[in-house]
Structure formats: C-alpha cells, structure tokens
Amino acid sequence: MINMDEKKRILDEIAEIFKKELDDSNLNISYDSSPKSVEKWDSITNLVLISAIEEKFNIVFPVEFIFSAENVGDLCDYIVKNASAN
C-alpha cells in the first residue's frame, strides 16, 4: 500500500523540480498533471525533468516506464515503490 504522506512529499519535491526546470514559479503541479496539461512540458523538457527527478531521488526510470507514464502521479507511485532512502 502506498503511504499517502510519502507520496505527497514526493509530489511536492517533483513540483519544485518542474518549477525550476520549466522556469515557472507559479506552475501548479498535481498528480494528474501531464504533458497535455502543462504547456512547457514537451519531449525535450521531459528528458530534463526525468533526469532531474532521477538525480533528486537517486533512481533510474526504465525506458519503458518513461514512455508509459501518463502523469506526475505515475512518477510519484514509481518513486514510492522503488526509490532508496534519500
């Protein structure tokens, strides 16, 4: 079972990464945020975002996961299940 407090902490940290990497301090990131709902999140910035998230959480996303993840919630769930303590 996913710990909701842990998932919220991870979401908050991911949101900060999005704000920094997309250069938008007013960006509102939720579990449902996706490339369809975040204007600056395209295929190029996705690489930057994934790299920053991997570095922050000391994790490497499998390529298949990167292509199948649909939203920020998918990233949070994967991190909760697979990240080492950070």
PDB file of N, CA and C in Angstrom:
ATOM      1  N   MET A   1       0.842  -1.191   0.000  1.00  0.00           N
ATOM      2  CA  MET A   1       0.000   0.000   0.000  1.00  0.00           C
ATOM      3  C   MET A   1       0.887   1.254   0.000  1.00  0.00           C
ATOM      4  N   ILE A   2       0.509   2.212  -0.790  1.00  0.00           N
ATOM      5  CA  ILE A   2       1.289   3.439  -0.917  1.00  0.00           C
ATOM      6  C   ILE A   2       0.981   4.364   0.251  1.00  0.00           C
ATOM      7  N   ASN A   3       2.022   4.833   0.908  1.00  0.00           N
ATOM      8  CA  ASN A   3       1.905   5.777   2.005  1.00  0.00           C
ATOM      9  C   ASN A   3       1.584   7.152   1.414  1.00  0.00           C
ATOM     10  N   MET A   4       0.420   7.686   1.743  1.00  0.00           N
ATOM     11  CA  MET A   4      -0.025   8.953   1.150  1.00  0.00           C
ATOM     12  C   MET A   4       0.826  10.146   1.588  1.00  0.00           C
ATOM     13  N   ASP A   5       1.335  10.121   2.828  1.00  0.00           N
ATOM     14  CA  ASP A   5       2.214  11.203   3.268  1.00  0.00           C
ATOM     15  C   ASP A   5       3.502  11.222   2.448  1.00  0.00           C
ATOM     16  N   GLU A   6       4.040  10.029   2.206  1.00  0.00           N
ATOM     17  CA  GLU A   6       5.258   9.915   1.406  1.00  0.00           C
ATOM     18  C   GLU A   6       4.990  10.364  -0.031  1.00  0.00           C
ATOM     19  N   LYS A   7       3.853   9.964  -0.578  1.00  0.00           N
ATOM     20  CA  LYS A   7       3.505  10.353  -1.944  1.00  0.00           C
ATOM     21  C   LYS A   7       3.335  11.872  -2.041  1.00  0.00           C
ATOM     22  N   LYS A   8       2.758  12.495  -1.028  1.00  0.00           N
ATOM     23  CA  LYS A   8       2.582  13.956  -1.017  1.00  0.00           C
ATOM     24  C   LYS A   8       3.944  14.653  -0.944  1.00  0.00           C
ATOM     25  N   ARG A   9       4.851  14.128  -0.118  1.00  0.00           N
ATOM     26  CA  ARG A   9       6.193  14.710  -0.008  1.00  0.00           C
ATOM     27  C   ARG A   9       6.904  14.635  -1.366  1.00  0.00           C
ATOM     28  N   ILE A  10       6.786  13.487  -2.016  1.00  0.00           N
ATOM     29  CA  ILE A  10       7.415  13.306  -3.325  1.00  0.00           C
ATOM     30  C   ILE A  10       6.792  14.246  -4.351  1.00  0.00           C
ATOM     31  N   LEU A  11       5.470  14.374  -4.332  1.00  0.00           N
ATOM     32  CA  LEU A  11       4.798  15.301  -5.249  1.00  0.00           C
ATOM     33  C   LEU A  11       5.323  16.717  -5.047  1.00  0.00           C
ATOM     34  N   ASP A  12       5.451  17.143  -3.799  1.00  0.00           N
ATOM     35  CA  ASP A  12       5.952  18.490  -3.514  1.00  0.00           C
ATOM     36  C   ASP A  12       7.359  18.684  -4.076  1.00  0.00           C
ATOM     37  N   GLU A  13       8.202  17.677  -3.932  1.00  0.00           N
ATOM     38  CA  GLU A  13       9.577  17.780  -4.438  1.00  0.00           C
ATOM     39  C   GLU A  13       9.599  17.773  -5.968  1.00  0.00           C
ATOM     40  N   ILE A  14       8.756  16.959  -6.578  1.00  0.00           N
ATOM     41  CA  ILE A  14       8.659  16.931  -8.044  1.00  0.00           C
ATOM     42  C   ILE A  14       8.136  18.283  -8.547  1.00  0.00           C
ATOM     43  N   ALA A  15       7.159  18.845  -7.853  1.00  0.00           N
ATOM     44  CA  ALA A  15       6.615  20.148  -8.259  1.00  0.00           C
ATOM     45  C   ALA A  15       7.708  21.214  -8.256  1.00  0.00           C
ATOM     46  N   GLU A  16       8.586  21.173  -7.269  1.00  0.00           N
ATOM     47  CA  GLU A  16       9.690  22.134  -7.216  1.00  0.00           C
ATOM     48  C   GLU A  16      10.645  21.937  -8.395  1.00  0.00           C
ATOM     49  N   ILE A  17      10.885  20.687  -8.773  1.00  0.00           N
ATOM     50  CA  ILE A  17      11.732  20.394  -9.937  1.00  0.00           C
ATOM     51  C   ILE A  17      11.087  20.966 -11.201  1.00  0.00           C
ATOM     52  N   PHE A  18       9.778  20.755 -11.364  1.00  0.00           N
ATOM     53  CA  PHE A  18       9.072  21.282 -12.534  1.00  0.00           C
ATOM     54  C   PHE A  18       9.180  22.804 -12.576  1.00  0.00           C
ATOM     55  N   LYS A  19       8.960  23.453 -11.444  1.00  0.00           N
ATOM     56  CA  LYS A  19       9.020  24.917 -11.399  1.00  0.00           C
ATOM     57  C   LYS A  19      10.404  25.411 -11.813  1.00  0.00           C
ATOM     58  N   LYS A  20      11.439  24.755 -11.307  1.00  0.00           N
ATOM     59  CA  LYS A  20      12.809  25.165 -11.625  1.00  0.00           C
ATOM     60  C   LYS A  20      13.137  24.897 -13.086  1.00  0.00           C
ATOM     61  N   GLU A  21      12.915  23.671 -13.532  1.00  0.00           N
ATOM     62  CA  GLU A  21      13.332  23.273 -14.880  1.00  0.00           C
ATOM     63  C   GLU A  21      12.491  23.932 -15.983  1.00  0.00           C
ATOM     64  N   LEU A  22      11.231  24.218 -15.687  1.00  0.00           N
ATOM     65  CA  LEU A  22      10.377  24.873 -16.683  1.00  0.00           C
ATOM     66  C   LEU A  22      10.343  26.388 -16.483  1.00  0.00           C
ATOM     67  N   ASP A  23      11.135  26.867 -15.511  1.00  0.00           N
ATOM     68  CA  ASP A  23      11.278  28.293 -15.234  1.00  0.00           C
ATOM     69  C   ASP A  23       9.923  28.978 -15.065  1.00  0.00           C
ATOM     70  N   ASP A  24       9.112  28.404 -14.159  1.00  0.00           N
ATOM     71  CA  ASP A  24       7.780  28.953 -13.905  1.00  0.00           C
ATOM     72  C   ASP A  24       7.424  28.732 -12.442  1.00  0.00           C
ATOM     73  N   SER A  25       7.688  29.741 -11.618  1.00  0.00           N
ATOM     74  CA  SER A  25       7.455  29.616 -10.176  1.00  0.00           C
ATOM     75  C   SER A  25       5.975  29.544  -9.812  1.00  0.00           C
ATOM     76  N   ASN A  26       5.097  29.868 -10.744  1.00  0.00           N
ATOM     77  CA  ASN A  26       3.656  29.815 -10.490  1.00  0.00           C
ATOM     78  C   ASN A  26       3.014  28.515 -10.961  1.00  0.00           C
ATOM     79  N   LEU A  27       3.814  27.615 -11.476  1.00  0.00           N
ATOM     80  CA  LEU A  27       3.304  26.352 -12.005  1.00  0.00           C
ATOM     81  C   LEU A  27       2.634  25.538 -10.908  1.00  0.00           C
ATOM     82  N   ASN A  28       1.449  25.028 -11.192  1.00  0.00           N
ATOM     83  CA  ASN A  28       0.713  24.201 -10.241  1.00  0.00           C
ATOM     84  C   ASN A  28       0.759  22.759 -10.737  1.00  0.00           C
ATOM     85  N   ILE A  29       1.506  21.916 -10.017  1.00  0.00           N
ATOM     86  CA  ILE A  29       1.665  20.519 -10.409  1.00  0.00           C
ATOM     87  C   ILE A  29       0.877  19.641  -9.441  1.00  0.00           C
ATOM     88  N   SER A  30       0.067  18.740 -10.006  1.00  0.00           N
ATOM     89  CA  SER A  30      -0.715  17.797  -9.211  1.00  0.00           C
ATOM     90  C   SER A  30      -0.441  16.384  -9.723  1.00  0.00           C
ATOM     91  N   TYR A  31      -1.039  15.398  -9.068  1.00  0.00           N
ATOM     92  CA  TYR A  31      -0.873  14.007  -9.504  1.00  0.00           C
ATOM     93  C   TYR A  31      -1.357  13.823 -10.938  1.00  0.00           C
ATOM     94  N   ASP A  32      -2.348  14.620 -11.341  1.00  0.00           N
ATOM     95  CA  ASP A  32      -2.940  14.489 -12.675  1.00  0.00           C
ATOM     96  C   ASP A  32      -2.219  15.284 -13.752  1.00  0.00           C
ATOM     97  N   SER A  33      -1.237  16.099 -13.368  1.00  0.00           N
ATOM     98  CA  SER A  33      -0.513  16.900 -14.356  1.00  0.00           C
ATOM     99  C   SER A  33       0.169  15.988 -15.374  1.00  0.00           C
ATOM    100  N   SER A  34       0.081  16.393 -16.631  1.00  0.00           N
ATOM    101  CA  SER A  34       0.658  15.601 -17.721  1.00  0.00           C
ATOM    102  C   SER A  34       1.146  16.559 -18.804  1.00  0.00           C
ATOM    103  N   PRO A  35       1.857  16.025 -19.796  1.00  0.00           N
ATOM    104  CA  PRO A  35       2.283  16.906 -20.895  1.00  0.00           C
ATOM    105  C   PRO A  35       1.111  17.606 -21.584  1.00  0.00           C
ATOM    106  N   LYS A  36      -0.068  17.030 -21.502  1.00  0.00           N
ATOM    107  CA  LYS A  36      -1.245  17.653 -22.117  1.00  0.00           C
ATOM    108  C   LYS A  36      -1.728  18.864 -21.322  1.00  0.00           C
ATOM    109  N   SER A  37      -1.448  18.875 -20.013  1.00  0.00           N
ATOM    110  CA  SER A  37      -1.960  19.967 -19.179  1.00  0.00           C
ATOM    111  C   SER A  37      -0.895  20.987 -18.771  1.00  0.00           C
ATOM    112  N   VAL A  38       0.372  20.680 -19.021  1.00  0.00           N
ATOM    113  CA  VAL A  38       1.462  21.596 -18.666  1.00  0.00           C
ATOM    114  C   VAL A  38       2.100  22.075 -19.965  1.00  0.00           C
ATOM    115  N   GLU A  39       1.879  23.340 -20.273  1.00  0.00           N
ATOM    116  CA  GLU A  39       2.255  23.909 -21.567  1.00  0.00           C
ATOM    117  C   GLU A  39       3.717  23.681 -21.954  1.00  0.00           C
ATOM    118  N   LYS A  40       4.640  23.888 -21.038  1.00  0.00           N
ATOM    119  CA  LYS A  40       6.057  23.798 -21.382  1.00  0.00           C
ATOM    120  C   LYS A  40       6.622  22.369 -21.316  1.00  0.00           C
ATOM    121  N   TRP A  41       5.805  21.391 -20.968  1.00  0.00           N
ATOM    122  CA  TRP A  41       6.264  20.009 -20.828  1.00  0.00           C
ATOM    123  C   TRP A  41       6.148  19.309 -22.178  1.00  0.00           C
ATOM    124  N   ASP A  42       7.254  19.299 -22.914  1.00  0.00           N
ATOM    125  CA  ASP A  42       7.273  18.636 -24.216  1.00  0.00           C
ATOM    126  C   ASP A  42       8.322  17.527 -24.191  1.00  0.00           C
ATOM    127  N   SER A  43       8.598  16.931 -25.328  1.00  0.00           N
ATOM    128  CA  SER A  43       9.520  15.789 -25.371  1.00  0.00           C
ATOM    129  C   SER A  43      10.938  16.167 -24.955  1.00  0.00           C
ATOM    130  N   ILE A  44      11.358  17.369 -25.265  1.00  0.00           N
ATOM    131  CA  ILE A  44      12.705  17.800 -24.881  1.00  0.00           C
ATOM    132  C   ILE A  44      12.771  18.077 -23.385  1.00  0.00           C
ATOM    133  N   THR A  45      11.830  18.857 -22.870  1.00  0.00           N
ATOM    134  CA  THR A  45      11.850  19.145 -21.435  1.00  0.00           C
ATOM    135  C   THR A  45      11.589  17.893 -20.615  1.00  0.00           C
ATOM    136  N   ASN A  46      10.902  16.911 -21.190  1.00  0.00           N
ATOM    137  CA  ASN A  46      10.676  15.656 -20.474  1.00  0.00           C
ATOM    138  C   ASN A  46      12.019  15.009 -20.103  1.00  0.00           C
ATOM    139  N   LEU A  47      12.974  15.055 -21.013  1.00  0.00           N
ATOM    140  CA  LEU A  47      14.298  14.483 -20.728  1.00  0.00           C
ATOM    141  C   LEU A  47      14.967  15.209 -19.563  1.00  0.00           C
ATOM    142  N   VAL A  48      14.860  16.515 -19.553  1.00  0.00           N
ATOM    143  CA  VAL A  48      15.444  17.320 -18.479  1.00  0.00           C
ATOM    144  C   VAL A  48      14.743  17.011 -17.153  1.00  0.00           C
ATOM    145  N   LEU A  49      13.419  16.953 -17.187  1.00  0.00           N
ATOM    146  CA  LEU A  49      12.647  16.671 -15.973  1.00  0.00           C
ATOM    147  C   LEU A  49      12.966  15.289 -15.412  1.00  0.00           C
ATOM    148  N   ILE A  50      12.973  14.290 -16.282  1.00  0.00           N
ATOM    149  CA  ILE A  50      13.267  12.916 -15.842  1.00  0.00           C
ATOM    150  C   ILE A  50      14.661  12.846 -15.237  1.00  0.00           C
ATOM    151  N   SER A  51      15.621  13.475 -15.877  1.00  0.00           N
ATOM    152  CA  SER A  51      16.987  13.468 -15.369  1.00  0.00           C
ATOM    153  C   SER A  51      17.065  14.121 -13.990  1.00  0.00           C
ATOM    154  N   ALA A  52      16.410  15.259 -13.817  1.00  0.00           N
ATOM    155  CA  ALA A  52      16.427  15.963 -12.526  1.00  0.00           C
ATOM    156  C   ALA A  52      15.728  15.141 -11.441  1.00  0.00           C
ATOM    157  N   ILE A  53      14.630  14.488 -11.792  1.00  0.00           N
ATOM    158  CA  ILE A  53      13.901  13.653 -10.828  1.00  0.00           C
ATOM    159  C   ILE A  53      14.741  12.438 -10.452  1.00  0.00           C
ATOM    160  N   GLU A  54      15.377  11.823 -11.434  1.00  0.00           N
ATOM    161  CA  GLU A  54      16.240  10.669 -11.149  1.00  0.00           C
ATOM    162  C   GLU A  54      17.369  11.063 -10.198  1.00  0.00           C
ATOM    163  N   GLU A  55      17.965  12.211 -10.448  1.00  0.00           N
ATOM    164  CA  GLU A  55      19.066  12.678  -9.595  1.00  0.00           C
ATOM    165  C   GLU A  55      18.568  12.962  -8.177  1.00  0.00           C
ATOM    166  N   LYS A  56      17.446  13.647  -8.065  1.00  0.00           N
ATOM    167  CA  LYS A  56      16.893  14.007  -6.752  1.00  0.00           C
ATOM    168  C   LYS A  56      16.581  12.771  -5.904  1.00  0.00           C
ATOM    169  N   PHE A  57      15.999  11.749  -6.544  1.00  0.00           N
ATOM    170  CA  PHE A  57      15.536  10.575  -5.805  1.00  0.00           C
ATOM    171  C   PHE A  57      16.470   9.377  -5.912  1.00  0.00           C
ATOM    172  N   ASN A  58      17.635   9.589  -6.521  1.00  0.00           N
ATOM    173  CA  ASN A  58      18.616   8.511  -6.646  1.00  0.00           C
ATOM    174  C   ASN A  58      17.979   7.254  -7.238  1.00  0.00           C
ATOM    175  N   ILE A  59      17.371   7.440  -8.403  1.00  0.00           N
ATOM    176  CA  ILE A  59      16.627   6.373  -9.068  1.00  0.00           C
ATOM    177  C   ILE A  59      16.860   6.482 -10.568  1.00  0.00           C
ATOM    178  N   VAL A  60      16.698   5.367 -11.264  1.00  0.00           N
ATOM    179  CA  VAL A  60      16.750   5.378 -12.726  1.00  0.00           C
ATOM    180  C   VAL A  60      15.441   4.768 -13.223  1.00  0.00           C
ATOM    181  N   PHE A  61      14.687   5.554 -13.962  1.00  0.00           N
ATOM    182  CA  PHE A  61      13.441   5.045 -14.531  1.00  0.00           C
ATOM    183  C   PHE A  61      13.760   4.166 -15.735  1.00  0.00           C
ATOM    184  N   PRO A  62      13.163   2.977 -15.822  1.00  0.00           N
ATOM    185  CA  PRO A  62      13.329   2.169 -17.032  1.00  0.00           C
ATOM    186  C   PRO A  62      12.733   2.911 -18.238  1.00  0.00           C
ATOM    187  N   VAL A  63      13.336   2.744 -19.388  1.00  0.00           N
ATOM    188  CA  VAL A  63      12.866   3.431 -20.599  1.00  0.00           C
ATOM    189  C   VAL A  63      11.389   3.126 -20.852  1.00  0.00           C
ATOM    190  N   GLU A  64      10.992   1.850 -20.655  1.00  0.00           N
ATOM    191  CA  GLU A  64       9.589   1.504 -20.910  1.00  0.00           C
ATOM    192  C   GLU A  64       8.655   2.281 -19.992  1.00  0.00           C
ATOM    193  N   PHE A  65       9.100   2.511 -18.748  1.00  0.00           N
ATOM    194  CA  PHE A  65       8.269   3.275 -17.817  1.00  0.00           C
ATOM    195  C   PHE A  65       8.148   4.728 -18.284  1.00  0.00           C
ATOM    196  N   ILE A  66       9.244   5.311 -18.705  1.00  0.00           N
ATOM    197  CA  ILE A  66       9.230   6.708 -19.153  1.00  0.00           C
ATOM    198  C   ILE A  66       8.209   6.889 -20.278  1.00  0.00           C
ATOM    199  N   PHE A  67       8.160   5.935 -21.197  1.00  0.00           N
ATOM    200  CA  PHE A  67       7.226   6.052 -22.322  1.00  0.00           C
ATOM    201  C   PHE A  67       5.787   5.713 -21.939  1.00  0.00           C
ATOM    202  N   SER A  68       5.608   4.945 -20.858  1.00  0.00           N
ATOM    203  CA  SER A  68       4.250   4.555 -20.476  1.00  0.00           C
ATOM    204  C   SER A  68       3.632   5.448 -19.394  1.00  0.00           C
ATOM    205  N   ALA A  69       4.457   6.185 -18.658  1.00  0.00           N
ATOM    206  CA  ALA A  69       3.929   7.058 -17.606  1.00  0.00           C
ATOM    207  C   ALA A  69       3.037   8.129 -18.231  1.00  0.00           C
ATOM    208  N   GLU A  70       1.866   8.301 -17.655  1.00  0.00           N
ATOM    209  CA  GLU A  70       0.906   9.243 -18.224  1.00  0.00           C
ATOM    210  C   GLU A  70       0.847  10.577 -17.506  1.00  0.00           C
ATOM    211  N   ASN A  71       1.285  10.593 -16.229  1.00  0.00           N
ATOM    212  CA  ASN A  71       1.165  11.830 -15.457  1.00  0.00           C
ATOM    213  C   ASN A  71       2.137  11.833 -14.283  1.00  0.00           C
ATOM    214  N   VAL A  72       2.126  12.905 -13.529  1.00  0.00           N
ATOM    215  CA  VAL A  72       3.017  13.045 -12.379  1.00  0.00           C
ATOM    216  C   VAL A  72       2.702  11.989 -11.322  1.00  0.00           C
ATOM    217  N   GLY A  73       1.438  11.630 -11.180  1.00  0.00           N
ATOM    218  CA  GLY A  73       1.061  10.592 -10.222  1.00  0.00           C
ATOM    219  C   GLY A  73       1.772   9.274 -10.502  1.00  0.00           C
ATOM    220  N   ASP A  74       1.933   8.926 -11.769  1.00  0.00           N
ATOM    221  CA  ASP A  74       2.664   7.705 -12.136  1.00  0.00           C
ATOM    222  C   ASP A  74       4.118   7.801 -11.667  1.00  0.00           C
ATOM    223  N   LEU A  75       4.724   8.975 -11.829  1.00  0.00           N
ATOM    224  CA  LEU A  75       6.098   9.181 -11.371  1.00  0.00           C
ATOM    225  C   LEU A  75       6.180   9.025  -9.851  1.00  0.00           C
ATOM    226  N   CYS A  76       5.238   9.643  -9.136  1.00  0.00           N
ATOM    227  CA  CYS A  76       5.213   9.550  -7.673  1.00  0.00           C
ATOM    228  C   CYS A  76       5.084   8.098  -7.223  1.00  0.00           C
ATOM    229  N   ASP A  77       4.154   7.369  -7.830  1.00  0.00           N
ATOM    230  CA  ASP A  77       3.937   5.966  -7.452  1.00  0.00           C
ATOM    231  C   ASP A  77       5.200   5.146  -7.673  1.00  0.00           C
ATOM    232  N   TYR A  78       5.851   5.346  -8.803  1.00  0.00           N
ATOM    233  CA  TYR A  78       7.066   4.587  -9.103  1.00  0.00           C
ATOM    234  C   TYR A  78       8.155   4.902  -8.071  1.00  0.00           C
ATOM    235  N   ILE A  79       8.308   6.167  -7.744  1.00  0.00           N
ATOM    236  CA  ILE A  79       9.333   6.561  -6.776  1.00  0.00           C
ATOM    237  C   ILE A  79       9.037   5.954  -5.403  1.00  0.00           C
ATOM    238  N   VAL A  80       7.792   6.028  -4.951  1.00  0.00           N
ATOM    239  CA  VAL A  80       7.420   5.460  -3.650  1.00  0.00           C
ATOM    240  C   VAL A  80       7.778   3.968  -3.616  1.00  0.00           C
ATOM    241  N   LYS A  81       7.513   3.276  -4.699  1.00  0.00           N
ATOM    242  CA  LYS A  81       7.737   1.829  -4.736  1.00  0.00           C
ATOM    243  C   LYS A  81       9.205   1.435  -4.941  1.00  0.00           C
ATOM    244  N   ASN A  82      10.006   2.304  -5.548  1.00  0.00           N
ATOM    245  CA  ASN A  82      11.327   1.884  -5.994  1.00  0.00           C
ATOM    246  C   ASN A  82      12.525   2.699  -5.513  1.00  0.00           C
ATOM    247  N   ALA A  83      12.308   3.867  -4.963  1.00  0.00           N
ATOM    248  CA  ALA A  83      13.450   4.717  -4.583  1.00  0.00           C
ATOM    249  C   ALA A  83      14.081   4.243  -3.281  1.00  0.00           C
ATOM    250  N   SER A  84      15.396   4.385  -3.240  1.00  0.00           N
ATOM    251  CA  SER A  84      16.096   4.129  -1.985  1.00  0.00           C
ATOM    252  C   SER A  84      15.893   5.342  -1.090  1.00  0.00           C
ATOM    253  N   ALA A  85      16.170   5.185   0.153  1.00  0.00           N
ATOM    254  CA  ALA A  85      16.010   6.305   1.094  1.00  0.00           C
ATOM    255  C   ALA A  85      16.883   7.464   0.639  1.00  0.00           C
ATOM    256  N   ASN A  86      16.338   8.669   0.724  1.00  0.00           N
ATOM    257  CA  ASN A  86      17.107   9.838   0.321  1.00  0.00           C
ATOM    258  C   ASN A  86      16.970  10.933   1.333  1.00  0.00           C
TER     259      ASN A  86
END
